[in-house]
Amino acid sequence: MMTDRRSQQVFRRILLWTTVPLLSWLLMQALHELGHILGALCTGGRIVELNLHPLSISHTIVHPNPAPLIVIWAGPIVGVLLPILLWGLCKKLSPKRSHLFRFLVGFCLIANGLYLGSAVFEAVGDARDLLQRQVPLWGLALFGAVTIPGGFLFWNGLGKEFGMGESGKELSPSEPLEVFTLLVVLVVLECIYF
């Protein structure tokens, strides 16, 4: 009986520990691209392509793009601020699940920070586009220097919420299944539409 309960907990933890980062990756890309879309719409740009397929790196192509710097910066800026706002909303509406959004916030801060901050070593994607438009390298490095540690601060202390360590909470059957279901739905939708 005790072994059966322990093995259920192990299964729930493994399911949660694998699906939360995968779901966070897909949501991070969607929020980042939403930033580019909002930047384009606010500056009169026209979105000609949006790719959110789960097996590729997301991107948004805007043409014409009357304000490329705004469109480019909007991706990482919205990509870190919107998850923070969603987490704040979730804390009020669903405090029992707010740790999942807190993980997403940390993930988005770290991913967007690495994306731009890694330009110090090799500029790709938005970082390359920003450097080509004369944004100083130190600006990208500063963005990463602020967001990456911020992401780790959001993650600090989350282990127990995911059942880690001796003080880790016992996971209910519903939480890992809800996250897994959301991941499957998102992957299916992205495969269909992108």
N, C-alpha and C. Protein backbone atom coordinates (compact mmCIF):
# COMPACT_ATOMS: atom_id res chain seq x y z
N MET A 1 0.82 -1.19 0.00
CA MET A 1 0.00 0.00 0.00
C MET A 1 0.87 1.26 0.00
N MET A 2 1.86 1.29 0.90
CA MET A 2 2.76 2.45 0.97
C MET A 2 3.60 2.57 -0.29
N THR A 3 4.06 1.43 -0.82
CA THR A 3 4.85 1.44 -2.04
C THR A 3 4.02 1.93 -3.21
N ASP A 4 2.75 1.54 -3.27
CA ASP A 4 1.86 1.97 -4.34
C ASP A 4 1.67 3.48 -4.30
N ARG A 5 1.48 4.03 -3.11
CA ARG A 5 1.32 5.47 -2.96
C ARG A 5 2.60 6.20 -3.34
N ARG A 6 3.73 5.65 -2.94
CA ARG A 6 5.02 6.27 -3.28
C ARG A 6 5.24 6.25 -4.79
N SER A 7 4.92 5.14 -5.44
CA SER A 7 5.12 5.06 -6.89
C SER A 7 4.17 6.01 -7.62
N GLN A 8 2.98 6.24 -7.08
CA GLN A 8 2.07 7.22 -7.67
C GLN A 8 2.67 8.62 -7.58
N GLN A 9 3.27 8.92 -6.43
CA GLN A 9 3.91 10.23 -6.25
C GLN A 9 5.08 10.39 -7.22
N VAL A 10 5.87 9.35 -7.37
CA VAL A 10 7.00 9.41 -8.30
C VAL A 10 6.50 9.67 -9.71
N PHE A 11 5.46 8.95 -10.12
CA PHE A 11 4.90 9.15 -11.46
C PHE A 11 4.39 10.58 -11.62
N ARG A 12 3.66 11.09 -10.63
CA ARG A 12 3.12 12.45 -10.71
C ARG A 12 4.24 13.48 -10.80
N ARG A 13 5.29 13.27 -10.01
CA ARG A 13 6.42 14.21 -10.04
C ARG A 13 7.11 14.19 -11.40
N ILE A 14 7.37 13.02 -11.91
CA ILE A 14 8.04 12.92 -13.22
C ILE A 14 7.17 13.56 -14.30
N LEU A 15 5.88 13.30 -14.26
CA LEU A 15 4.97 13.90 -15.24
C LEU A 15 4.99 15.42 -15.12
N LEU A 16 4.92 15.93 -13.91
CA LEU A 16 4.93 17.38 -13.71
C LEU A 16 6.28 17.99 -14.08
N TRP A 17 7.36 17.36 -13.66
CA TRP A 17 8.70 17.90 -13.92
C TRP A 17 9.04 17.91 -15.40
N THR A 18 8.44 17.04 -16.18
CA THR A 18 8.73 17.04 -17.62
C THR A 18 7.77 17.94 -18.40
N THR A 19 6.51 17.98 -17.99
CA THR A 19 5.54 18.76 -18.77
C THR A 19 5.62 20.26 -18.48
N VAL A 20 5.92 20.65 -17.25
CA VAL A 20 5.96 22.09 -16.93
C VAL A 20 7.03 22.81 -17.76
N PRO A 21 8.28 22.32 -17.85
CA PRO A 21 9.25 23.03 -18.70
C PRO A 21 8.86 23.02 -20.19
N LEU A 22 8.31 21.92 -20.68
CA LEU A 22 7.89 21.88 -22.09
C LEU A 22 6.77 22.87 -22.36
N LEU A 23 5.78 22.89 -21.46
CA LEU A 23 4.69 23.85 -21.60
C LEU A 23 5.22 25.28 -21.48
N SER A 24 6.14 25.51 -20.56
CA SER A 24 6.71 26.85 -20.39
C SER A 24 7.45 27.30 -21.65
N TRP A 25 8.16 26.37 -22.30
CA TRP A 25 8.86 26.71 -23.55
C TRP A 25 7.87 27.19 -24.61
N LEU A 26 6.79 26.45 -24.79
CA LEU A 26 5.81 26.82 -25.82
C LEU A 26 5.11 28.13 -25.47
N LEU A 27 4.75 28.31 -24.20
CA LEU A 27 4.10 29.55 -23.79
C LEU A 27 5.06 30.73 -23.87
N MET A 28 6.32 30.52 -23.52
CA MET A 28 7.30 31.59 -23.63
C MET A 28 7.41 32.06 -25.07
N GLN A 29 7.48 31.12 -26.01
CA GLN A 29 7.57 31.50 -27.42
C GLN A 29 6.32 32.27 -27.86
N ALA A 30 5.15 31.80 -27.43
CA ALA A 30 3.90 32.47 -27.81
C ALA A 30 3.83 33.89 -27.25
N LEU A 31 4.23 34.06 -25.99
CA LEU A 31 4.21 35.39 -25.38
C LEU A 31 5.23 36.32 -26.03
N HIS A 32 6.39 35.79 -26.36
CA HIS A 32 7.43 36.57 -27.04
C HIS A 32 6.91 37.04 -28.40
N GLU A 33 6.33 36.12 -29.15
CA GLU A 33 5.82 36.49 -30.48
C GLU A 33 4.63 37.42 -30.37
N LEU A 34 3.82 37.27 -29.33
CA LEU A 34 2.72 38.21 -29.10
C LEU A 34 3.28 39.62 -28.94
N GLY A 35 4.41 39.75 -28.29
CA GLY A 35 5.04 41.06 -28.17
C GLY A 35 5.40 41.64 -29.52
N HIS A 36 5.98 40.84 -30.39
CA HIS A 36 6.30 41.31 -31.74
C HIS A 36 5.02 41.72 -32.48
N ILE A 37 3.98 40.92 -32.34
CA ILE A 37 2.71 41.22 -33.01
C ILE A 37 2.13 42.54 -32.50
N LEU A 38 2.11 42.71 -31.18
CA LEU A 38 1.59 43.96 -30.62
C LEU A 38 2.44 45.16 -31.06
N GLY A 39 3.76 44.98 -31.09
CA GLY A 39 4.64 46.04 -31.56
C GLY A 39 4.34 46.41 -33.00
N ALA A 40 4.12 45.39 -33.83
CA ALA A 40 3.82 45.64 -35.24
C ALA A 40 2.47 46.34 -35.40
N LEU A 41 1.47 45.86 -34.69
CA LEU A 41 0.13 46.45 -34.81
C LEU A 41 0.10 47.89 -34.32
N CYS A 42 0.85 48.19 -33.27
CA CYS A 42 0.88 49.54 -32.71
C CYS A 42 1.65 50.53 -33.58
N THR A 43 2.51 50.03 -34.45
CA THR A 43 3.33 50.93 -35.28
C THR A 43 2.95 50.89 -36.76
N GLY A 44 1.87 50.22 -37.09
CA GLY A 44 1.41 50.17 -38.47
C GLY A 44 2.08 49.12 -39.32
N GLY A 45 2.76 48.17 -38.70
CA GLY A 45 3.38 47.07 -39.44
C GLY A 45 2.36 46.02 -39.81
N ARG A 46 2.72 45.22 -40.80
CA ARG A 46 1.82 44.15 -41.26
C ARG A 46 2.50 42.81 -41.04
N ILE A 47 1.82 41.91 -40.33
CA ILE A 47 2.38 40.59 -40.05
C ILE A 47 2.14 39.72 -41.28
N VAL A 48 3.24 39.25 -41.88
CA VAL A 48 3.12 38.40 -43.06
C VAL A 48 3.35 36.93 -42.73
N GLU A 49 3.99 36.67 -41.60
CA GLU A 49 4.20 35.27 -41.19
C GLU A 49 4.36 35.19 -39.68
N LEU A 50 3.71 34.17 -39.11
CA LEU A 50 3.86 33.85 -37.69
C LEU A 50 4.06 32.35 -37.60
N ASN A 51 5.16 31.95 -37.00
CA ASN A 51 5.44 30.52 -36.83
C ASN A 51 5.52 30.19 -35.35
N LEU A 52 4.62 29.34 -34.90
CA LEU A 52 4.64 28.86 -33.52
C LEU A 52 4.62 27.33 -33.48
N HIS A 53 5.03 26.70 -34.58
CA HIS A 53 5.02 25.24 -34.60
C HIS A 53 5.90 24.71 -33.48
N PRO A 54 5.42 23.70 -32.74
CA PRO A 54 6.18 23.23 -31.57
C PRO A 54 7.53 22.59 -31.89
N LEU A 55 7.77 22.22 -33.13
CA LEU A 55 9.04 21.59 -33.48
C LEU A 55 10.01 22.56 -34.15
N SER A 56 9.73 23.85 -34.04
CA SER A 56 10.65 24.84 -34.62
C SER A 56 10.76 26.03 -33.67
N ILE A 57 11.74 26.87 -33.96
CA ILE A 57 11.89 28.10 -33.19
C ILE A 57 10.89 29.12 -33.73
N SER A 58 10.17 29.74 -32.84
CA SER A 58 9.12 30.67 -33.26
C SER A 58 9.72 31.91 -33.93
N HIS A 59 8.95 32.52 -34.79
CA HIS A 59 9.35 33.80 -35.38
C HIS A 59 8.14 34.50 -35.97
N THR A 60 8.28 35.81 -36.08
CA THR A 60 7.26 36.66 -36.68
C THR A 60 7.94 37.52 -37.73
N ILE A 61 7.37 37.54 -38.91
CA ILE A 61 7.91 38.38 -39.98
C ILE A 61 6.91 39.50 -40.24
N VAL A 62 7.42 40.73 -40.20
CA VAL A 62 6.59 41.91 -40.38
C VAL A 62 7.08 42.65 -41.62
N HIS A 63 6.14 42.94 -42.54
CA HIS A 63 6.50 43.70 -43.74
C HIS A 63 5.24 44.37 -44.30
N PRO A 64 5.20 45.62 -44.47
CA PRO A 64 6.23 46.57 -44.11
C PRO A 64 6.34 46.71 -42.59
N ASN A 65 7.51 47.15 -42.17
CA ASN A 65 7.78 47.31 -40.75
C ASN A 65 8.32 48.72 -40.52
N PRO A 66 7.40 49.69 -40.28
CA PRO A 66 7.83 51.08 -40.15
C PRO A 66 8.66 51.39 -38.90
N ALA A 67 8.59 50.52 -37.89
CA ALA A 67 9.33 50.79 -36.65
C ALA A 67 9.99 49.49 -36.16
N PRO A 68 11.02 49.02 -36.88
CA PRO A 68 11.60 47.72 -36.54
C PRO A 68 12.17 47.62 -35.12
N LEU A 69 12.75 48.70 -34.61
CA LEU A 69 13.29 48.63 -33.26
C LEU A 69 12.19 48.38 -32.23
N ILE A 70 11.06 49.03 -32.39
CA ILE A 70 9.94 48.82 -31.46
C ILE A 70 9.42 47.40 -31.58
N VAL A 71 9.27 46.93 -32.81
CA VAL A 71 8.76 45.57 -33.03
C VAL A 71 9.71 44.53 -32.44
N ILE A 72 11.00 44.71 -32.66
CA ILE A 72 11.97 43.73 -32.16
C ILE A 72 12.01 43.75 -30.63
N TRP A 73 12.12 44.94 -30.03
CA TRP A 73 12.19 45.03 -28.56
C TRP A 73 10.90 44.56 -27.90
N ALA A 74 9.76 44.75 -28.58
CA ALA A 74 8.48 44.37 -27.98
C ALA A 74 8.41 42.87 -27.67
N GLY A 75 9.08 42.04 -28.47
CA GLY A 75 9.06 40.60 -28.22
C GLY A 75 9.59 40.24 -26.84
N PRO A 76 10.86 40.56 -26.55
CA PRO A 76 11.38 40.21 -25.22
C PRO A 76 10.76 41.01 -24.08
N ILE A 77 10.40 42.25 -24.32
CA ILE A 77 9.83 43.06 -23.23
C ILE A 77 8.45 42.54 -22.83
N VAL A 78 7.58 42.36 -23.81
CA VAL A 78 6.26 41.78 -23.52
C VAL A 78 6.43 40.35 -23.03
N GLY A 79 7.42 39.66 -23.58
CA GLY A 79 7.68 38.27 -23.21
C GLY A 79 8.10 38.08 -21.76
N VAL A 80 8.54 39.15 -21.09
CA VAL A 80 8.86 39.05 -19.66
C VAL A 80 7.81 39.76 -18.79
N LEU A 81 7.22 40.85 -19.28
CA LEU A 81 6.27 41.58 -18.46
C LEU A 81 4.89 40.91 -18.40
N LEU A 82 4.41 40.39 -19.52
CA LEU A 82 3.09 39.77 -19.53
C LEU A 82 3.01 38.54 -18.61
N PRO A 83 4.02 37.66 -18.59
CA PRO A 83 3.95 36.55 -17.64
C PRO A 83 3.91 37.01 -16.18
N ILE A 84 4.61 38.10 -15.87
CA ILE A 84 4.56 38.63 -14.50
C ILE A 84 3.14 39.09 -14.17
N LEU A 85 2.50 39.78 -15.11
CA LEU A 85 1.12 40.22 -14.90
C LEU A 85 0.18 39.03 -14.76
N LEU A 86 0.37 38.01 -15.59
CA LEU A 86 -0.48 36.81 -15.51
C LEU A 86 -0.29 36.10 -14.17
N TRP A 87 0.94 36.05 -13.68
CA TRP A 87 1.22 35.44 -12.39
C TRP A 87 0.50 36.20 -11.27
N GLY A 88 0.56 37.53 -11.33
CA GLY A 88 -0.13 38.34 -10.33
C GLY A 88 -1.63 38.08 -10.34
N LEU A 89 -2.19 37.96 -11.53
CA LEU A 89 -3.62 37.66 -11.67
C LEU A 89 -3.93 36.26 -11.14
N CYS A 90 -3.07 35.31 -11.46
CA CYS A 90 -3.27 33.94 -11.02
C CYS A 90 -3.19 33.82 -9.50
N LYS A 91 -2.31 34.60 -8.88
CA LYS A 91 -2.19 34.57 -7.41
C LYS A 91 -3.51 34.94 -6.75
N LYS A 92 -4.25 35.83 -7.40
CA LYS A 92 -5.54 36.26 -6.84
C LYS A 92 -6.66 35.28 -7.19
N LEU A 93 -6.66 34.77 -8.41
CA LEU A 93 -7.77 33.93 -8.87
C LEU A 93 -7.60 32.45 -8.55
N SER A 94 -6.38 31.98 -8.56
CA SER A 94 -6.13 30.55 -8.33
C SER A 94 -4.81 30.36 -7.58
N PRO A 95 -4.79 30.73 -6.29
CA PRO A 95 -3.53 30.67 -5.56
C PRO A 95 -2.91 29.27 -5.50
N LYS A 96 -3.73 28.23 -5.57
CA LYS A 96 -3.20 26.86 -5.50
C LYS A 96 -2.37 26.51 -6.73
N ARG A 97 -2.59 27.21 -7.84
CA ARG A 97 -1.85 26.93 -9.07
C ARG A 97 -0.88 28.05 -9.42
N SER A 98 -0.75 29.04 -8.57
CA SER A 98 0.10 30.19 -8.90
C SER A 98 1.57 29.81 -9.02
N HIS A 99 2.00 28.73 -8.38
CA HIS A 99 3.40 28.31 -8.49
C HIS A 99 3.73 27.89 -9.93
N LEU A 100 2.73 27.40 -10.67
CA LEU A 100 2.97 27.04 -12.07
C LEU A 100 3.25 28.29 -12.90
N PHE A 101 2.50 29.35 -12.64
CA PHE A 101 2.75 30.61 -13.34
C PHE A 101 4.05 31.24 -12.88
N ARG A 102 4.38 31.06 -11.61
CA ARG A 102 5.65 31.58 -11.11
C ARG A 102 6.82 30.89 -11.81
N PHE A 103 6.69 29.58 -12.06
CA PHE A 103 7.72 28.88 -12.82
C PHE A 103 7.80 29.46 -14.24
N LEU A 104 6.64 29.70 -14.85
CA LEU A 104 6.61 30.27 -16.19
C LEU A 104 7.29 31.64 -16.22
N VAL A 105 7.04 32.46 -15.21
CA VAL A 105 7.68 33.78 -15.16
C VAL A 105 9.20 33.63 -15.14
N GLY A 106 9.70 32.76 -14.26
CA GLY A 106 11.14 32.53 -14.20
C GLY A 106 11.68 32.04 -15.52
N PHE A 107 10.96 31.11 -16.14
CA PHE A 107 11.38 30.56 -17.42
C PHE A 107 11.45 31.65 -18.48
N CYS A 108 10.43 32.49 -18.55
CA CYS A 108 10.39 33.57 -19.56
C CYS A 108 11.50 34.59 -19.33
N LEU A 109 11.75 34.94 -18.08
CA LEU A 109 12.83 35.88 -17.79
C LEU A 109 14.18 35.31 -18.21
N ILE A 110 14.42 34.06 -17.86
CA ILE A 110 15.71 33.44 -18.19
C ILE A 110 15.86 33.26 -19.70
N ALA A 111 14.83 32.73 -20.35
CA ALA A 111 14.92 32.46 -21.79
C ALA A 111 15.11 33.74 -22.60
N ASN A 112 14.31 34.76 -22.32
CA ASN A 112 14.45 36.02 -23.06
C ASN A 112 15.78 36.70 -22.74
N GLY A 113 16.21 36.60 -21.48
CA GLY A 113 17.50 37.18 -21.10
C GLY A 113 18.66 36.50 -21.79
N LEU A 114 18.61 35.16 -21.86
CA LEU A 114 19.67 34.43 -22.56
C LEU A 114 19.65 34.74 -24.06
N TYR A 115 18.45 34.86 -24.62
CA TYR A 115 18.28 35.12 -26.04
C TYR A 115 18.98 36.42 -26.45
N LEU A 116 18.77 37.47 -25.67
CA LEU A 116 19.42 38.75 -26.00
C LEU A 116 20.82 38.84 -25.41
N GLY A 117 20.98 38.41 -24.18
CA GLY A 117 22.26 38.54 -23.50
C GLY A 117 23.37 37.71 -24.11
N SER A 118 23.00 36.62 -24.77
CA SER A 118 24.02 35.76 -25.38
C SER A 118 24.68 36.42 -26.59
N ALA A 119 24.19 37.60 -26.97
CA ALA A 119 24.80 38.34 -28.09
C ALA A 119 26.26 38.67 -27.78
N VAL A 120 26.61 38.66 -26.51
CA VAL A 120 28.00 38.89 -26.12
C VAL A 120 28.89 37.82 -26.76
N PHE A 121 28.36 36.61 -26.92
CA PHE A 121 29.11 35.50 -27.51
C PHE A 121 28.76 35.30 -28.98
N GLU A 122 27.48 35.26 -29.28
CA GLU A 122 27.04 35.12 -30.67
C GLU A 122 25.62 35.64 -30.79
N ALA A 123 25.44 36.60 -31.66
CA ALA A 123 24.13 37.22 -31.84
C ALA A 123 23.31 36.46 -32.87
N VAL A 124 22.14 36.02 -32.45
CA VAL A 124 21.20 35.33 -33.35
C VAL A 124 19.83 35.97 -33.19
N GLY A 125 18.99 35.81 -34.20
CA GLY A 125 17.60 36.26 -34.12
C GLY A 125 17.47 37.72 -33.78
N ASP A 126 16.65 37.99 -32.75
CA ASP A 126 16.39 39.38 -32.34
C ASP A 126 17.67 40.10 -31.93
N ALA A 127 18.57 39.42 -31.25
CA ALA A 127 19.81 40.05 -30.82
C ALA A 127 20.62 40.52 -32.03
N ARG A 128 20.72 39.68 -33.04
CA ARG A 128 21.43 40.05 -34.27
C ARG A 128 20.74 41.25 -34.93
N ASP A 129 19.39 41.21 -35.00
CA ASP A 129 18.64 42.29 -35.63
C ASP A 129 18.82 43.61 -34.88
N LEU A 130 18.86 43.54 -33.56
CA LEU A 130 19.06 44.75 -32.76
C LEU A 130 20.46 45.32 -32.97
N LEU A 131 21.47 44.46 -32.99
CA LEU A 131 22.83 44.93 -33.22
C LEU A 131 22.98 45.54 -34.62
N GLN A 132 22.32 44.96 -35.61
CA GLN A 132 22.37 45.51 -36.96
C GLN A 132 21.74 46.89 -37.03
N ARG A 133 20.84 47.18 -36.08
CA ARG A 133 20.18 48.49 -36.04
C ARG A 133 20.85 49.42 -35.02
N GLN A 134 22.10 49.14 -34.73
CA GLN A 134 22.96 50.01 -33.91
C GLN A 134 22.61 50.05 -32.42
N VAL A 135 21.84 49.06 -31.93
CA VAL A 135 21.64 48.96 -30.48
C VAL A 135 22.97 48.47 -29.90
N PRO A 136 23.50 49.14 -28.88
CA PRO A 136 24.81 48.74 -28.35
C PRO A 136 24.75 47.37 -27.67
N LEU A 137 25.83 46.66 -27.82
CA LEU A 137 25.93 45.32 -27.23
C LEU A 137 25.68 45.36 -25.72
N TRP A 138 26.14 46.42 -25.06
CA TRP A 138 25.94 46.51 -23.61
C TRP A 138 24.46 46.56 -23.26
N GLY A 139 23.61 47.09 -24.14
CA GLY A 139 22.16 47.13 -23.89
C GLY A 139 21.56 45.74 -23.84
N LEU A 140 22.02 44.89 -24.76
CA LEU A 140 21.54 43.50 -24.77
C LEU A 140 22.08 42.75 -23.56
N ALA A 141 23.36 43.00 -23.24
CA ALA A 141 23.96 42.34 -22.08
C ALA A 141 23.26 42.79 -20.79
N LEU A 142 22.90 44.06 -20.72
CA LEU A 142 22.19 44.57 -19.54
C LEU A 142 20.82 43.92 -19.40
N PHE A 143 20.11 43.76 -20.51
CA PHE A 143 18.80 43.10 -20.48
C PHE A 143 18.95 41.69 -19.88
N GLY A 144 19.95 40.97 -20.36
CA GLY A 144 20.20 39.63 -19.83
C GLY A 144 20.65 39.65 -18.38
N ALA A 145 21.47 40.64 -18.02
CA ALA A 145 21.98 40.73 -16.64
C ALA A 145 20.87 41.02 -15.64
N VAL A 146 19.79 41.63 -16.10
CA VAL A 146 18.65 41.91 -15.21
C VAL A 146 17.67 40.74 -15.20
N THR A 147 17.34 40.23 -16.38
CA THR A 147 16.27 39.23 -16.45
C THR A 147 16.69 37.83 -16.01
N ILE A 148 17.91 37.44 -16.31
CA ILE A 148 18.34 36.07 -15.95
C ILE A 148 18.35 35.88 -14.43
N PRO A 149 19.03 36.74 -13.66
CA PRO A 149 18.95 36.58 -12.20
C PRO A 149 17.51 36.73 -11.68
N GLY A 150 16.74 37.63 -12.30
CA GLY A 150 15.34 37.79 -11.91
C GLY A 150 14.57 36.49 -12.07
N GLY A 151 14.84 35.77 -13.15
CA GLY A 151 14.18 34.48 -13.36
C GLY A 151 14.53 33.48 -12.29
N PHE A 152 15.81 33.44 -11.92
CA PHE A 152 16.22 32.51 -10.85
C PHE A 152 15.60 32.91 -9.51
N LEU A 153 15.42 34.20 -9.28
CA LEU A 153 14.75 34.64 -8.06
C LEU A 153 13.30 34.16 -8.02
N PHE A 154 12.63 34.22 -9.16
CA PHE A 154 11.26 33.70 -9.21
C PHE A 154 11.22 32.20 -8.94
N TRP A 155 12.22 31.48 -9.41
CA TRP A 155 12.27 30.03 -9.19
C TRP A 155 12.65 29.66 -7.76
N ASN A 156 13.33 30.56 -7.06
CA ASN A 156 13.83 30.25 -5.73
C ASN A 156 12.70 29.80 -4.80
N GLY A 157 12.87 28.66 -4.19
CA GLY A 157 11.90 28.14 -3.23
C GLY A 157 10.73 27.39 -3.85
N LEU A 158 10.72 27.23 -5.16
CA LEU A 158 9.59 26.54 -5.82
C LEU A 158 9.65 25.02 -5.70
N GLY A 159 10.80 24.47 -5.37
CA GLY A 159 10.96 23.02 -5.37
C GLY A 159 9.91 22.29 -4.56
N LYS A 160 9.60 22.79 -3.38
CA LYS A 160 8.63 22.10 -2.53
C LYS A 160 7.24 22.06 -3.17
N GLU A 161 6.91 23.10 -3.96
CA GLU A 161 5.60 23.13 -4.64
C GLU A 161 5.50 22.04 -5.72
N PHE A 162 6.66 21.60 -6.20
CA PHE A 162 6.70 20.56 -7.21
C PHE A 162 7.03 19.19 -6.61
N GLY A 163 6.94 19.09 -5.28
CA GLY A 163 7.16 17.82 -4.60
C GLY A 163 8.61 17.46 -4.39
N MET A 164 9.50 18.41 -4.49
CA MET A 164 10.93 18.14 -4.34
C MET A 164 11.36 18.27 -2.88
N GLY A 165 12.33 17.46 -2.51
CA GLY A 165 12.91 17.54 -1.18
C GLY A 165 12.02 16.92 -0.11
N GLU A 166 12.56 16.89 1.09
CA GLU A 166 11.82 16.29 2.20
C GLU A 166 10.59 17.10 2.58
N SER A 167 10.64 18.41 2.38
CA SER A 167 9.49 19.24 2.71
C SER A 167 8.55 19.44 1.52
N GLY A 168 8.82 18.70 0.43
CA GLY A 168 8.00 18.84 -0.77
C GLY A 168 6.58 18.36 -0.54
N LYS A 169 5.64 19.08 -1.13
CA LYS A 169 4.24 18.72 -0.94
C LYS A 169 3.90 17.45 -1.71
N GLU A 170 2.87 16.78 -1.25
CA GLU A 170 2.36 15.61 -1.95
C GLU A 170 1.51 16.12 -3.11
N LEU A 171 1.79 15.63 -4.29
CA LEU A 171 1.08 16.11 -5.48
C LEU A 171 -0.25 15.38 -5.63
N SER A 172 -1.27 16.17 -5.92
CA SER A 172 -2.57 15.57 -6.19
C SER A 172 -2.55 14.99 -7.60
N PRO A 173 -3.46 14.07 -7.90
CA PRO A 173 -3.48 13.52 -9.26
C PRO A 173 -3.85 14.58 -10.31
N SER A 174 -4.62 15.59 -9.90
CA SER A 174 -5.15 16.53 -10.89
C SER A 174 -4.08 17.48 -11.45
N GLU A 175 -3.16 17.97 -10.62
CA GLU A 175 -2.20 18.98 -11.09
C GLU A 175 -1.35 18.50 -12.25
N PRO A 176 -0.65 17.36 -12.14
CA PRO A 176 0.15 16.91 -13.28
C PRO A 176 -0.70 16.61 -14.52
N LEU A 177 -1.90 16.08 -14.30
CA LEU A 177 -2.77 15.77 -15.44
C LEU A 177 -3.28 17.04 -16.12
N GLU A 178 -3.57 18.07 -15.34
CA GLU A 178 -4.00 19.34 -15.93
C GLU A 178 -2.89 19.94 -16.79
N VAL A 179 -1.68 19.93 -16.27
CA VAL A 179 -0.55 20.49 -17.02
C VAL A 179 -0.30 19.66 -18.28
N PHE A 180 -0.33 18.33 -18.15
CA PHE A 180 -0.12 17.46 -19.30
C PHE A 180 -1.20 17.70 -20.36
N THR A 181 -2.45 17.81 -19.92
CA THR A 181 -3.56 18.04 -20.86
C THR A 181 -3.39 19.37 -21.58
N LEU A 182 -3.02 20.41 -20.82
CA LEU A 182 -2.80 21.72 -21.44
C LEU A 182 -1.67 21.66 -22.46
N LEU A 183 -0.60 20.93 -22.14
CA LEU A 183 0.51 20.77 -23.07
C LEU A 183 0.06 20.09 -24.35
N VAL A 184 -0.70 19.00 -24.22
CA VAL A 184 -1.17 18.27 -25.40
C VAL A 184 -2.08 19.16 -26.25
N VAL A 185 -2.99 19.87 -25.61
CA VAL A 185 -3.90 20.76 -26.34
C VAL A 185 -3.11 21.83 -27.09
N LEU A 186 -2.13 22.43 -26.42
CA LEU A 186 -1.33 23.48 -27.06
C LEU A 186 -0.52 22.93 -28.24
N VAL A 187 0.08 21.76 -28.07
CA VAL A 187 0.85 21.15 -29.16
C VAL A 187 -0.07 20.85 -30.35
N VAL A 188 -1.23 20.30 -30.09
CA VAL A 188 -2.18 19.99 -31.18
C VAL A 188 -2.60 21.27 -31.88
N LEU A 189 -2.96 22.30 -31.14
CA LEU A 189 -3.37 23.56 -31.75
C LEU A 189 -2.26 24.18 -32.59
N GLU A 190 -1.03 24.16 -32.04
CA GLU A 190 0.09 24.73 -32.79
C GLU A 190 0.40 23.91 -34.04
N CYS A 191 0.25 22.61 -33.97
CA CYS A 191 0.47 21.76 -35.15
C CYS A 191 -0.59 22.03 -36.22
N ILE A 192 -1.81 22.24 -35.79
CA ILE A 192 -2.91 22.49 -36.74
C ILE A 192 -2.77 23.86 -37.39
N TYR A 193 -2.50 24.88 -36.58
CA TYR A 193 -2.52 26.25 -37.08
C TYR A 193 -1.19 26.77 -37.58
N PHE A 194 -0.09 26.10 -37.23
CA PHE A 194 1.22 26.61 -37.66
C PHE A 194 2.02 25.54 -38.36
